[in-house]
PDB file of N, CA and C in Angstrom:
ATOM      1  N   MET A   1      21.768 -14.891  14.435  1.00  0.00           N
ATOM      2  CA  MET A   1      23.228 -14.230  14.788  1.00  0.00           C
ATOM      3  C   MET A   1      23.627 -12.518  14.116  1.00  0.00           C
ATOM      4  N   MET A   2      23.600 -11.730  14.581  1.00  0.00           N
ATOM      5  CA  MET A   2      24.226 -10.632  14.616  1.00  0.00           C
ATOM      6  C   MET A   2      25.422 -10.564  13.866  1.00  0.00           C
ATOM      7  N   ARG A   3      25.022  -9.809  12.471  1.00  0.00           N
ATOM      8  CA  ARG A   3      26.023  -9.772  11.459  1.00  0.00           C
ATOM      9  C   ARG A   3      27.545  -8.429  12.193  1.00  0.00           C
ATOM     10  N   PRO A   4      28.656  -8.633  12.076  1.00  0.00           N
ATOM     11  CA  PRO A   4      29.581  -8.075  12.547  1.00  0.00           C
ATOM     12  C   PRO A   4      29.617  -6.588  12.479  1.00  0.00           C
ATOM     13  N   SER A   5      28.796  -6.355  10.901  1.00  0.00           N
ATOM     14  CA  SER A   5      28.304  -4.959  10.179  1.00  0.00           C
ATOM     15  C   SER A   5      27.546  -3.880  11.828  1.00  0.00           C
ATOM     16  N   VAL A   6      27.139  -4.868  11.731  1.00  0.00           N
ATOM     17  CA  VAL A   6      25.383  -4.471  12.764  1.00  0.00           C
ATOM     18  C   VAL A   6      26.393  -3.963  14.275  1.00  0.00           C
ATOM     19  N   LEU A   7      26.802  -4.868  14.798  1.00  0.00           N
ATOM     20  CA  LEU A   7      27.253  -4.702  16.303  1.00  0.00           C
ATOM     21  C   LEU A   7      28.479  -3.842  16.143  1.00  0.00           C
ATOM     22  N   LYS A   8      29.185  -3.625  14.772  1.00  0.00           N
ATOM     23  CA  LYS A   8      30.028  -2.530  14.715  1.00  0.00           C
ATOM     24  C   LYS A   8      29.635  -0.860  15.226  1.00  0.00           C
ATOM     25  N   GLU A   9      27.981  -1.122  14.472  1.00  0.00           N
ATOM     26  CA  GLU A   9      27.485   0.703  14.128  1.00  0.00           C
ATOM     27  C   GLU A   9      26.936   0.848  15.746  1.00  0.00           C
ATOM     28  N   PHE A  10      26.843  -0.393  16.776  1.00  0.00           N
ATOM     29  CA  PHE A  10      26.118  -0.162  18.105  1.00  0.00           C
ATOM     30  C   PHE A  10      27.242   1.103  19.074  1.00  0.00           C
ATOM     31  N   GLY A  11      28.094   0.729  18.713  1.00  0.00           N
ATOM     32  CA  GLY A  11      29.188   1.997  19.057  1.00  0.00           C
ATOM     33  C   GLY A  11      28.766   3.040  18.643  1.00  0.00           C
ATOM     34  N   LYS A  12      28.367   3.579  17.898  1.00  0.00           N
ATOM     35  CA  LYS A  12      27.899   5.226  17.322  1.00  0.00           C
ATOM     36  C   LYS A  12      26.323   5.514  17.960  1.00  0.00           C
ATOM     37  N   HIS A  13      25.871   4.824  18.763  1.00  0.00           N
ATOM     38  CA  HIS A  13      24.866   5.254  19.803  1.00  0.00           C
ATOM     39  C   HIS A  13      24.887   4.909  20.736  1.00  0.00           C
ATOM     40  N   GLU A  14      24.496   6.554  21.624  1.00  0.00           N
ATOM     41  CA  GLU A  14      24.218   6.590  23.601  1.00  0.00           C
ATOM     42  C   GLU A  14      23.263   5.716  23.820  1.00  0.00           C
ATOM     43  N   THR A  15      23.418   5.040  24.318  1.00  0.00           N
ATOM     44  CA  THR A  15      23.098   3.611  25.687  1.00  0.00           C
ATOM     45  C   THR A  15      21.950   4.352  26.298  1.00  0.00           C
ATOM     46  N   PRO A  16      21.018   4.161  26.781  1.00  0.00           N
ATOM     47  CA  PRO A  16      20.126   2.489  26.183  1.00  0.00           C
ATOM     48  C   PRO A  16      19.380   3.153  24.458  1.00  0.00           C
ATOM     49  N   PHE A  17      19.769   2.024  23.444  1.00  0.00           N
ATOM     50  CA  PHE A  17      18.774   2.221  22.470  1.00  0.00           C
ATOM     51  C   PHE A  17      17.558   1.188  22.401  1.00  0.00           C
ATOM     52  N   TYR A  18      17.247   1.045  21.085  1.00  0.00           N
ATOM     53  CA  TYR A  18      16.536  -0.291  20.942  1.00  0.00           C
ATOM     54  C   TYR A  18      16.729  -0.004  19.141  1.00  0.00           C
ATOM     55  N   TYR A  19      17.138  -1.748  19.316  1.00  0.00           N
ATOM     56  CA  TYR A  19      17.422  -1.831  17.934  1.00  0.00           C
ATOM     57  C   TYR A  19      16.293  -3.365  16.938  1.00  0.00           C
ATOM     58  N   TYR A  20      16.093  -2.950  15.950  1.00  0.00           N
ATOM     59  CA  TYR A  20      14.859  -3.929  15.211  1.00  0.00           C
ATOM     60  C   TYR A  20      15.336  -4.349  14.101  1.00  0.00           C
ATOM     61  N   ASP A  21      15.604  -5.083  14.229  1.00  0.00           N
ATOM     62  CA  ASP A  21      16.221  -6.097  12.867  1.00  0.00           C
ATOM     63  C   ASP A  21      15.288  -6.961  11.685  1.00  0.00           C
ATOM     64  N   LEU A  22      14.826  -5.767  10.884  1.00  0.00           N
ATOM     65  CA  LEU A  22      13.552  -5.475  10.418  1.00  0.00           C
ATOM     66  C   LEU A  22      13.358  -6.268   9.480  1.00  0.00           C
ATOM     67  N   ARG A  23      14.639  -6.710   8.692  1.00  0.00           N
ATOM     68  CA  ARG A  23      14.575  -7.932   7.407  1.00  0.00           C
ATOM     69  C   ARG A  23      14.669  -8.864   8.403  1.00  0.00           C
ATOM     70  N   LEU A  24      14.470  -9.707   9.137  1.00  0.00           N
ATOM     71  CA  LEU A  24      14.685 -10.224  10.604  1.00  0.00           C
ATOM     72  C   LEU A  24      12.813 -10.811  10.894  1.00  0.00           C
ATOM     73  N   LEU A  25      12.511  -9.630  11.015  1.00  0.00           N
ATOM     74  CA  LEU A  25      11.011  -9.190  11.448  1.00  0.00           C
ATOM     75  C   LEU A  25      10.357  -9.985  10.035  1.00  0.00           C
ATOM     76  N   ARG A  26      10.332  -9.352   8.959  1.00  0.00           N
ATOM     77  CA  ARG A  26       9.866  -9.247   7.811  1.00  0.00           C
ATOM     78  C   ARG A  26      10.175 -11.047   6.965  1.00  0.00           C
ATOM     79  N   GLU A  27      10.941 -11.239   7.193  1.00  0.00           N
ATOM     80  CA  GLU A  27      11.226 -13.018   7.179  1.00  0.00           C
ATOM     81  C   GLU A  27      10.979 -13.528   8.412  1.00  0.00           C
ATOM     82  N   ASN A  28      11.062 -13.558   9.108  1.00  0.00           N
ATOM     83  CA  ASN A  28      10.126 -14.209  10.496  1.00  0.00           C
ATOM     84  C   ASN A  28       8.165 -14.480   9.942  1.00  0.00           C
ATOM     85  N   ILE A  29       7.713 -13.380   9.929  1.00  0.00           N
ATOM     86  CA  ILE A  29       6.453 -13.486   8.770  1.00  0.00           C
ATOM     87  C   ILE A  29       6.164 -14.286   8.017  1.00  0.00           C
ATOM     88  N   ALA A  30       7.040 -13.743   7.166  1.00  0.00           N
ATOM     89  CA  ALA A  30       7.131 -14.708   6.058  1.00  0.00           C
ATOM     90  C   ALA A  30       7.194 -16.219   5.981  1.00  0.00           C
ATOM     91  N   ALA A  31       8.133 -17.056   6.906  1.00  0.00           N
ATOM     92  CA  ALA A  31       8.104 -18.271   7.566  1.00  0.00           C
ATOM     93  C   ALA A  31       6.957 -18.531   8.411  1.00  0.00           C
ATOM     94  N   LEU A  32       6.477 -17.607   8.928  1.00  0.00           N
ATOM     95  CA  LEU A  32       5.042 -17.911   9.544  1.00  0.00           C
ATOM     96  C   LEU A  32       3.407 -18.219   8.836  1.00  0.00           C
ATOM     97  N   GLN A  33       3.855 -17.168   8.621  1.00  0.00           N
ATOM     98  CA  GLN A  33       2.986 -17.351   7.127  1.00  0.00           C
ATOM     99  C   GLN A  33       2.584 -18.720   6.325  1.00  0.00           C
ATOM    100  N   THR A  34       3.948 -19.069   6.190  1.00  0.00           N
ATOM    101  CA  THR A  34       4.306 -19.869   4.985  1.00  0.00           C
ATOM    102  C   THR A  34       3.850 -20.978   5.983  1.00  0.00           C
ATOM    103  N   ALA A  35       3.687 -21.542   7.172  1.00  0.00           N
ATOM    104  CA  ALA A  35       3.561 -22.892   8.142  1.00  0.00           C
ATOM    105  C   ALA A  35       2.159 -23.046   8.040  1.00  0.00           C
ATOM    106  N   LEU A  36       1.446 -21.283   8.030  1.00  0.00           N
ATOM    107  CA  LEU A  36       0.541 -21.614   8.597  1.00  0.00           C
ATOM    108  C   LEU A  36      -0.789 -21.792   7.313  1.00  0.00           C
ATOM    109  N   ALA A  37      -0.182 -21.243   5.913  1.00  0.00           N
ATOM    110  CA  ALA A  37      -0.739 -21.614   5.366  1.00  0.00           C
ATOM    111  C   ALA A  37      -1.851 -22.457   4.980  1.00  0.00           C
ATOM    112  N   ALA A  38      -1.808 -24.206   5.246  1.00  0.00           N
ATOM    113  CA  ALA A  38      -2.787 -24.650   5.244  1.00  0.00           C
ATOM    114  C   ALA A  38      -4.013 -24.644   6.409  1.00  0.00           C
ATOM    115  N   HIS A  39      -3.319 -23.750   7.285  1.00  0.00           N
ATOM    116  CA  HIS A  39      -4.893 -23.774   8.478  1.00  0.00           C
ATOM    117  C   HIS A  39      -5.693 -22.512   7.704  1.00  0.00           C
ATOM    118  N   GLN A  40      -6.723 -22.365   7.562  1.00  0.00           N
ATOM    119  CA  GLN A  40      -7.858 -21.413   6.549  1.00  0.00           C
ATOM    120  C   GLN A  40      -8.108 -20.693   8.044  1.00  0.00           C
ATOM    121  N   ASP A  41      -8.709 -21.539   8.769  1.00  0.00           N
ATOM    122  CA  ASP A  41      -9.370 -20.523   9.411  1.00  0.00           C
ATOM    123  C   ASP A  41      -7.733 -20.046  10.793  1.00  0.00           C
ATOM    124  N   PHE A  42      -7.126 -19.974  10.365  1.00  0.00           N
ATOM    125  CA  PHE A  42      -6.105 -19.334  11.673  1.00  0.00           C
ATOM    126  C   PHE A  42      -5.648 -17.948  11.579  1.00  0.00           C
ATOM    127  N   ARG A  43      -6.116 -17.654  12.507  1.00  0.00           N
ATOM    128  CA  ARG A  43      -5.541 -15.851  12.467  1.00  0.00           C
ATOM    129  C   ARG A  43      -4.600 -15.872  13.755  1.00  0.00           C
ATOM    130  N   VAL A  44      -3.232 -14.970  13.146  1.00  0.00           N
ATOM    131  CA  VAL A  44      -2.199 -14.485  14.063  1.00  0.00           C
ATOM    132  C   VAL A  44      -2.860 -12.801  14.107  1.00  0.00           C
ATOM    133  N   HIS A  45      -3.103 -12.385  15.258  1.00  0.00           N
ATOM    134  CA  HIS A  45      -3.202 -11.314  15.854  1.00  0.00           C
ATOM    135  C   HIS A  45      -1.792 -10.861  16.608  1.00  0.00           C
ATOM    136  N   TYR A  46      -0.709  -9.910  16.076  1.00  0.00           N
ATOM    137  CA  TYR A  46       0.106  -9.049  17.539  1.00  0.00           C
ATOM    138  C   TYR A  46      -0.200  -8.572  18.305  1.00  0.00           C
ATOM    139  N   ALA A  47       0.048  -8.721  19.645  1.00  0.00           N
ATOM    140  CA  ALA A  47       0.015  -7.604  21.105  1.00  0.00           C
ATOM    141  C   ALA A  47       0.291  -6.539  20.470  1.00  0.00           C
ATOM    142  N   LEU A  48       0.227  -5.659  20.289  1.00  0.00           N
ATOM    143  CA  LEU A  48       0.648  -4.047  20.877  1.00  0.00           C
ATOM    144  C   LEU A  48       1.360  -4.055  22.123  1.00  0.00           C
ATOM    145  N   LYS A  49       0.700  -4.960  22.839  1.00  0.00           N
ATOM    146  CA  LYS A  49       1.815  -4.085  24.579  1.00  0.00           C
ATOM    147  C   LYS A  49       3.064  -4.602  24.143  1.00  0.00           C
ATOM    148  N   ALA A  50       3.294  -5.598  23.594  1.00  0.00           N
ATOM    149  CA  ALA A  50       4.794  -5.975  23.075  1.00  0.00           C
ATOM    150  C   ALA A  50       5.489  -4.798  22.779  1.00  0.00           C
ATOM    151  N   ASN A  51       5.244  -4.389  21.622  1.00  0.00           N
ATOM    152  CA  ASN A  51       5.841  -2.918  21.367  1.00  0.00           C
ATOM    153  C   ASN A  51       5.187  -2.465  20.316  1.00  0.00           C
ATOM    154  N   PHE A  52       5.028  -1.617  20.614  1.00  0.00           N
ATOM    155  CA  PHE A  52       4.327  -0.641  19.383  1.00  0.00           C
ATOM    156  C   PHE A  52       5.234   0.668  18.844  1.00  0.00           C
ATOM    157  N   ASP A  53       6.545  -0.085  18.364  1.00  0.00           N
ATOM    158  CA  ASP A  53       6.733   0.912  17.453  1.00  0.00           C
ATOM    159  C   ASP A  53       6.877   1.566  16.064  1.00  0.00           C
ATOM    160  N   GLU A  54       6.023   2.010  15.505  1.00  0.00           N
ATOM    161  CA  GLU A  54       5.501   2.809  14.338  1.00  0.00           C
ATOM    162  C   GLU A  54       5.884   1.915  12.508  1.00  0.00           C
ATOM    163  N   LYS A  55       7.410   1.732  12.518  1.00  0.00           N
ATOM    164  CA  LYS A  55       7.995   1.262  11.437  1.00  0.00           C
ATOM    165  C   LYS A  55       7.933  -0.629  11.745  1.00  0.00           C
ATOM    166  N   VAL A  56       7.615  -1.247  13.095  1.00  0.00           N
ATOM    167  CA  VAL A  56       7.366  -2.125  13.474  1.00  0.00           C
ATOM    168  C   VAL A  56       5.964  -2.715  12.993  1.00  0.00           C
ATOM    169  N   LEU A  57       5.080  -1.967  13.617  1.00  0.00           N
ATOM    170  CA  LEU A  57       3.393  -1.932  13.434  1.00  0.00           C
ATOM    171  C   LEU A  57       3.512  -1.945  11.845  1.00  0.00           C
ATOM    172  N   ARG A  58       4.012  -1.251  11.382  1.00  0.00           N
ATOM    173  CA  ARG A  58       3.328  -0.951   9.954  1.00  0.00           C
ATOM    174  C   ARG A  58       4.111  -2.504   9.207  1.00  0.00           C
ATOM    175  N   ILE A  59       4.950  -3.165   9.362  1.00  0.00           N
ATOM    176  CA  ILE A  59       5.355  -4.039   8.909  1.00  0.00           C
ATOM    177  C   ILE A  59       5.047  -5.435   8.740  1.00  0.00           C
ATOM    178  N   ILE A  60       3.889  -5.083  10.721  1.00  0.00           N
ATOM    179  CA  ILE A  60       3.040  -6.443  10.573  1.00  0.00           C
ATOM    180  C   ILE A  60       1.930  -6.040   9.784  1.00  0.00           C
ATOM    181  N   SER A  61       1.231  -4.920  10.094  1.00  0.00           N
ATOM    182  CA  SER A  61       0.001  -5.155   9.442  1.00  0.00           C
ATOM    183  C   SER A  61       0.124  -4.822   8.050  1.00  0.00           C
ATOM    184  N   ALA A  62       1.066  -4.608   7.161  1.00  0.00           N
ATOM    185  CA  ALA A  62       1.727  -4.168   5.867  1.00  0.00           C
ATOM    186  C   ALA A  62       1.385  -5.972   5.677  1.00  0.00           C
ATOM    187  N   ALA A  63       1.555  -6.722   6.154  1.00  0.00           N
ATOM    188  CA  ALA A  63       1.762  -8.222   6.212  1.00  0.00           C
ATOM    189  C   ALA A  63       0.550  -8.991   6.125  1.00  0.00           C
ATOM    190  N   GLY A  64      -1.033  -9.026   6.745  1.00  0.00           N
ATOM    191  CA  GLY A  64      -2.243  -8.407   6.777  1.00  0.00           C
ATOM    192  C   GLY A  64      -2.418  -9.275   8.107  1.00  0.00           C
ATOM    193  N   LEU A  65      -1.275  -9.211   9.106  1.00  0.00           N
ATOM    194  CA  LEU A  65      -1.598  -9.382   9.917  1.00  0.00           C
ATOM    195  C   LEU A  65      -2.447  -8.700  11.137  1.00  0.00           C
ATOM    196  N   GLY A  66      -2.871  -9.530  12.326  1.00  0.00           N
ATOM    197  CA  GLY A  66      -4.250  -8.264  12.821  1.00  0.00           C
ATOM    198  C   GLY A  66      -3.327  -8.347  14.055  1.00  0.00           C
ATOM    199  N   ALA A  67      -4.378  -6.949  15.065  1.00  0.00           N
ATOM    200  CA  ALA A  67      -3.652  -6.476  15.818  1.00  0.00           C
ATOM    201  C   ALA A  67      -4.722  -6.688  17.010  1.00  0.00           C
ATOM    202  N   ASP A  68      -3.698  -7.355  18.517  1.00  0.00           N
ATOM    203  CA  ASP A  68      -4.463  -7.568  19.404  1.00  0.00           C
ATOM    204  C   ASP A  68      -4.396  -6.011  20.804  1.00  0.00           C
ATOM    205  N   CYS A  69      -5.392  -5.772  20.844  1.00  0.00           N
ATOM    206  CA  CYS A  69      -5.404  -4.239  21.600  1.00  0.00           C
ATOM    207  C   CYS A  69      -6.196  -4.635  22.679  1.00  0.00           C
ATOM    208  N   VAL A  70      -5.440  -4.511  23.945  1.00  0.00           N
ATOM    209  CA  VAL A  70      -6.432  -3.883  25.681  1.00  0.00           C
ATOM    210  C   VAL A  70      -6.640  -2.746  26.085  1.00  0.00           C
ATOM    211  N   SER A  71      -6.131  -1.941  25.425  1.00  0.00           N
ATOM    212  CA  SER A  71      -6.667  -0.860  25.829  1.00  0.00           C
ATOM    213  C   SER A  71      -7.207   0.549  24.368  1.00  0.00           C
ATOM    214  N   GLY A  72      -7.361   1.339  24.756  1.00  0.00           N
ATOM    215  CA  GLY A  72      -8.441   2.584  23.495  1.00  0.00           C
ATOM    216  C   GLY A  72      -7.270   3.149  22.566  1.00  0.00           C
ATOM    217  N   GLY A  73      -5.973   3.127  23.373  1.00  0.00           N
ATOM    218  CA  GLY A  73      -5.065   4.070  23.124  1.00  0.00           C
ATOM    219  C   GLY A  73      -4.469   3.395  22.184  1.00  0.00           C
ATOM    220  N   GLU A  74      -4.565   1.410  22.377  1.00  0.00           N
ATOM    221  CA  GLU A  74      -3.678   0.397  21.326  1.00  0.00           C
ATOM    222  C   GLU A  74      -4.451   0.321  20.205  1.00  0.00           C
ATOM    223  N   VAL A  75      -5.949   0.710  20.710  1.00  0.00           N
ATOM    224  CA  VAL A  75      -6.727   0.752  19.379  1.00  0.00           C
ATOM    225  C   VAL A  75      -6.230   1.693  18.328  1.00  0.00           C
ATOM    226  N   GLN A  76      -6.748   2.483  18.687  1.00  0.00           N
ATOM    227  CA  GLN A  76      -5.700   3.917  17.745  1.00  0.00           C
ATOM    228  C   GLN A  76      -4.982   3.944  17.170  1.00  0.00           C
ATOM    229  N   ARG A  77      -3.707   3.818  17.973  1.00  0.00           N
ATOM    230  CA  ARG A  77      -2.689   2.843  17.309  1.00  0.00           C
ATOM    231  C   ARG A  77      -2.448   2.311  16.278  1.00  0.00           C
ATOM    232  N   ALA A  78      -3.274   1.004  16.148  1.00  0.00           N
ATOM    233  CA  ALA A  78      -3.233   0.500  15.565  1.00  0.00           C
ATOM    234  C   ALA A  78      -4.227   0.555  13.992  1.00  0.00           C
ATOM    235  N   LEU A  79      -4.844   1.441  14.406  1.00  0.00           N
ATOM    236  CA  LEU A  79      -5.435   2.300  13.238  1.00  0.00           C
ATOM    237  C   LEU A  79      -4.694   2.825  12.393  1.00  0.00           C
ATOM    238  N   ASP A  80      -3.842   3.555  13.315  1.00  0.00           N
ATOM    239  CA  ASP A  80      -2.904   4.931  12.883  1.00  0.00           C
ATOM    240  C   ASP A  80      -1.578   4.336  11.938  1.00  0.00           C
ATOM    241  N   THR A  81      -1.464   2.903  12.659  1.00  0.00           N
ATOM    242  CA  THR A  81       0.052   2.220  11.869  1.00  0.00           C
ATOM    243  C   THR A  81      -0.667   1.142  10.499  1.00  0.00           C
ATOM    244  N   GLY A  82      -1.958   1.522  10.434  1.00  0.00           N
ATOM    245  CA  GLY A  82      -2.510   0.504   8.560  1.00  0.00           C
ATOM    246  C   GLY A  82      -3.718  -0.795   9.462  1.00  0.00           C
ATOM    247  N   PHE A  83      -3.552  -1.212  10.561  1.00  0.00           N
ATOM    248  CA  PHE A  83      -4.226  -2.347  10.484  1.00  0.00           C
ATOM    249  C   PHE A  83      -6.082  -1.958  10.360  1.00  0.00           C
ATOM    250  N   ALA A  84      -6.506  -2.841   9.429  1.00  0.00           N
ATOM    251  CA  ALA A  84      -7.864  -2.709   9.173  1.00  0.00           C
ATOM    252  C   ALA A  84      -8.454  -2.892  10.564  1.00  0.00           C
ATOM    253  N   PRO A  85      -9.489  -2.079  11.000  1.00  0.00           N
ATOM    254  CA  PRO A  85     -10.448  -2.347  11.624  1.00  0.00           C
ATOM    255  C   PRO A  85     -11.168  -3.287  12.061  1.00  0.00           C
ATOM    256  N   SER A  86     -11.434  -4.543  11.000  1.00  0.00           N
ATOM    257  CA  SER A  86     -11.656  -6.006  10.838  1.00  0.00           C
ATOM    258  C   SER A  86     -10.425  -6.729  11.690  1.00  0.00           C
ATOM    259  N   LYS A  87      -9.147  -6.421  11.508  1.00  0.00           N
ATOM    260  CA  LYS A  87      -8.232  -7.108  12.025  1.00  0.00           C
ATOM    261  C   LYS A  87      -8.181  -6.785  13.784  1.00  0.00           C
ATOM    262  N   ILE A  88      -8.639  -6.074  13.787  1.00  0.00           N
ATOM    263  CA  ILE A  88      -8.405  -5.417  15.228  1.00  0.00           C
ATOM    264  C   ILE A  88      -8.681  -5.940  16.790  1.00  0.00           C
ATOM    265  N   VAL A  89      -8.781  -6.706  17.610  1.00  0.00           N
ATOM    266  CA  VAL A  89      -9.298  -7.477  18.874  1.00  0.00           C
ATOM    267  C   VAL A  89      -9.278  -6.799  19.416  1.00  0.00           C
ATOM    268  N   PHE A  90     -10.084  -6.535  19.522  1.00  0.00           N
ATOM    269  CA  PHE A  90     -10.112  -5.469  21.648  1.00  0.00           C
ATOM    270  C   PHE A  90     -10.802  -6.120  22.789  1.00  0.00           C
ATOM    271  N   ALA A  91     -10.163  -6.733  23.516  1.00  0.00           N
ATOM    272  CA  ALA A  91     -10.820  -7.333  24.470  1.00  0.00           C
ATOM    273  C   ALA A  91     -10.074  -6.967  25.894  1.00  0.00           C
ATOM    274  N   GLY A  92     -10.438  -7.151  26.931  1.00  0.00           N
ATOM    275  CA  GLY A  92      -9.609  -7.585  28.031  1.00  0.00           C
ATOM    276  C   GLY A  92     -10.920  -6.829  29.446  1.00  0.00           C
ATOM    277  N   VAL A  93     -10.001  -6.495  30.599  1.00  0.00           N
ATOM    278  CA  VAL A  93     -10.373  -6.212  31.986  1.00  0.00           C
ATOM    279  C   VAL A  93     -10.595  -4.646  32.220  1.00  0.00           C
ATOM    280  N   GLY A  94     -11.261  -4.238  32.568  1.00  0.00           N
ATOM    281  CA  GLY A  94     -10.978  -2.871  33.401  1.00  0.00           C
ATOM    282  C   GLY A  94     -11.420  -1.248  32.456  1.00  0.00           C
ATOM    283  N   LYS A  95     -12.043  -1.680  31.349  1.00  0.00           N
ATOM    284  CA  LYS A  95     -12.552  -0.462  30.197  1.00  0.00           C
ATOM    285  C   LYS A  95     -12.928   0.777  31.032  1.00  0.00           C
ATOM    286  N   SER A  96     -12.406   1.545  30.217  1.00  0.00           N
ATOM    287  CA  SER A  96     -13.538   2.835  30.727  1.00  0.00           C
ATOM    288  C   SER A  96     -14.620   2.663  30.275  1.00  0.00           C
ATOM    289  N   ASP A  97     -15.397   4.025  30.221  1.00  0.00           N
ATOM    290  CA  ASP A  97     -16.837   3.941  29.156  1.00  0.00           C
ATOM    291  C   ASP A  97     -16.335   4.530  28.478  1.00  0.00           C
ATOM    292  N   LYS A  98     -15.092   5.371  27.426  1.00  0.00           N
ATOM    293  CA  LYS A  98     -15.032   5.353  26.733  1.00  0.00           C
ATOM    294  C   LYS A  98     -14.398   4.650  25.412  1.00  0.00           C
ATOM    295  N   GLU A  99     -13.730   3.650  25.930  1.00  0.00           N
ATOM    296  CA  GLU A  99     -13.152   2.576  25.128  1.00  0.00           C
ATOM    297  C   GLU A  99     -14.304   1.775  25.222  1.00  0.00           C
TER     298      GLU A  99
END
């Protein structure tokens, strides 16, 4: 649930705009990691197509999650925001020769 102070801040911005609760993102990642701790062979990869915001991706990469990419641009964005190459999954159809 959003805090009233956060909702009040929304009135100060022109619309449309994006709001990301980075504290909640960190909490959800921590809860996910706790829940999956017993499953050693389980890996989580975040789909960059869902959101490629730099701050969001840096938090996700710093937490040790992987990146799911379907284009060369997404792979580059993952690398630029701190994902280790070994934690990037690159798959999908319709790849160019360069990709």
